[in-house]
Amino acid sequence: MPMTYALSPTRSPASFVCVRQGGRRYIAVKNTHPSAKYIGEEKIKDISIPDFKMTMISIIIVCTSIVLMTEGYTTESDQKEYVLNLTNNQKEDMKKLALSLRSCGVNLKLPKMHLRLLKNQSITCNDGSPAGYYLRKISDSKRWLVFLQGGTYCYDRSSCNWRRDNSPRLTGSRTWPQTEKGTGILSADPVENPIWWKSNVVMIPYCSSDVWSGTKFTSETGYSFMGSLIIKEVLRELLTVGLLEAKQLVLAGSSAGGTGVLLNLDSIRDWLASVGSNVELRGLVDSGWFLDMEQLKETRCDSSIFCKPSEAIAKGVRLWGSSVPSSCLEMYGAGNEWKCFFGFRIYQTLRTPVYIVQWLYDEAQLTINLVSLTPPTELEEWSYMQKTAKEMRASLKNVSAVFATSCYGHMILESIDWTKIQVRNVYLHHSISCWLGMSTESNALHPHRSTSSTTTALPSTVSPNTQQTQNTERGKSSGLFGLFWKRSAESRRQFKNNRKRRTKKEGNSNNKKNNDENSNNRPRSIGNQGVVSDDPGVGISLRNSRNRCQHHLLDHADCPHCNNPTCPKIKNRYTGEEMDFLQYMRLWGLDVSDIAKQVGVDSYQLLQMMNPSS
């Protein structure tokens, strides 16, 4: 029997070392768990990672290779696909083990995605170079993830020329590398990407500048806009390498790529059915749900960064020859295709299940609306930012599958930290994984079943009932900032509880902290409604929930980063340094005491709300 070392979810991380004796190399472990059958430095032939009740991952180490195996769970397609769902201690173990393996000469390079240019070279990028895609193929997987990259758009000759000169990768394929590592949901690292690390992963670079909607070459500008055609052609090629026999396909995208998912999802569903595919199609939209709001100040439409989106897209759809869903076009009429580029309008016309991931304080939305490249630090800007967040939250209220956090940022699914984000103690990747496992007959997967009325109010994104409620709240609040900063009873209770917990922490032991953390992270069995990921059977932490699958998660909108310690740090665009939200805002001149005075709270209360982890 080979010696087995269990990566415990509760004990302190182990210490792994590479040992060389008699010309042989092997991994040894120090500080083993008391229940281990050996002590000191011993050979490890087998490291088993029990993933609680649902699955087991075994890592067989021979100092020359590392092999991942599964036991105990088989999917409906008779595939053994799985996910590593590790606690923080177990993740530390994996990192230390990886370091020791490298020192022992083991090649731990993860497989990369490889570039394939389209065979049909009439489907091109803006500059006429062939479009293409990156593919990481897993021969025994019948699950596919196709990801659309984002990157704004251009809508006339001037804006497209500027884009070509300043962002050549967004207008042509000539400078694309031959391989891409992939991060976040595109990663092959099972810790970084617990859902799709062992799935077929495709990343389609964005080089059409048309929000993935275009269908033609325009002599007016000399550019091609073929975003919608590129997606279809990529899928056509993938049919020959396994997509035709796939069980599940997730079309995902970030920013403009997320909007592209909304625009193409239903037509792709119909096209796949027409070619004989029985694949189950779902959409995943990251930061592609934009609002149609009045900007803080008027601006000329001479820059794609600051041009009001409704005006820029209205210009663009004529240039791009945009293809929009027929159901949306029927709702808004010919000549109003631009309205279908806004999630809150197109969503209720969709027939295909879609999951929305959105920042309530979306940085791209605020940059456009505030007409400023700097963060909101003035009182007027903060007031407008709060209004934007509340309207964003209201627009998502009737979305059946949504994860909307009160963080300030833009795009998350390609971040290496995407698995750390929570709303109401539910992790983003847990919620998505559970949603992927739901029956296609569930109401939660059908947008048109989850709403009671059709959104037609323009330009506001807030329904009449919501607007009436906000007007009532405005009457009850006081001061310029009252509407946007007045905390609800629930928020006040949460603030008091945070203070109590902070006081108690000083007297608590580190053991209790570790136990609390591990109990929150520990997965639980969720029965037949479980998870579909690279282990459809893995459990999910659903603490304080009556439902087995939480997929309608709307954070509060009191203020950015308020009472949510899982919000990621912000990267300084000039230095690349990662900073806490308050540190970043102060860098740009935020006066906390002045804001607090206007809000009606003291500086300490405001700081505690905006930085709950301190």
Foldseek 3Di string as FASTA:
>chain_A
DFFEAEQDQFDAAWAWAWDDDPNAIAIFIAPGDPPGPDHDGDGGQKYKYDLPDAKIWIWGDRLAETDIDIDDDADPVRAQFFADQGFPSSVVNVVNVVVNSVVSVYDPDFDWWFKDFFPPQVQFFFQSATFTKTKDAQQRAQEEEEEEEDDAAAQAQQQVVVCCVPPVQQGHDPPPDGTDQFFFCGHLDRVLHRFANNPIYMYGYHRQRQLLFFCAQDPRNRTARRSVVSVVSRVVVVCVVRNQAHAEYEYEYFASRLLNCLFRVQVVVVVSVVVPGPHAYEYEGFQQAAAQDAAPDDDDQPHSQQHRQLVRNLSRCVVRVGRGDPQLCVVVHPSRRSVSSHCLQSLLSDFFFYAYEHELQEQSNLCRRHVDPADDFDPSSQLVSLVSSVLVLQSCQQQLFYAYYPAHYGGQNRHSLQQLFDFPLFTPVQQVQLVVLADPPDLSRGSNSRDDDHDDDPNGSHDPVRVVVLVVQVVVFDFPNGSRAPDDPVLVVLLVVLVVVVVVVVVDDVSVVSVVSSVSSRFDFLPSSAGNGSRRGRGGRDPPDPDSHDRSGHHDSNDHQFPGQSHFFDADPVPRDTHQPVVSSVVVPHDQQVNCVRNVHGSVSVVCRNNVVD
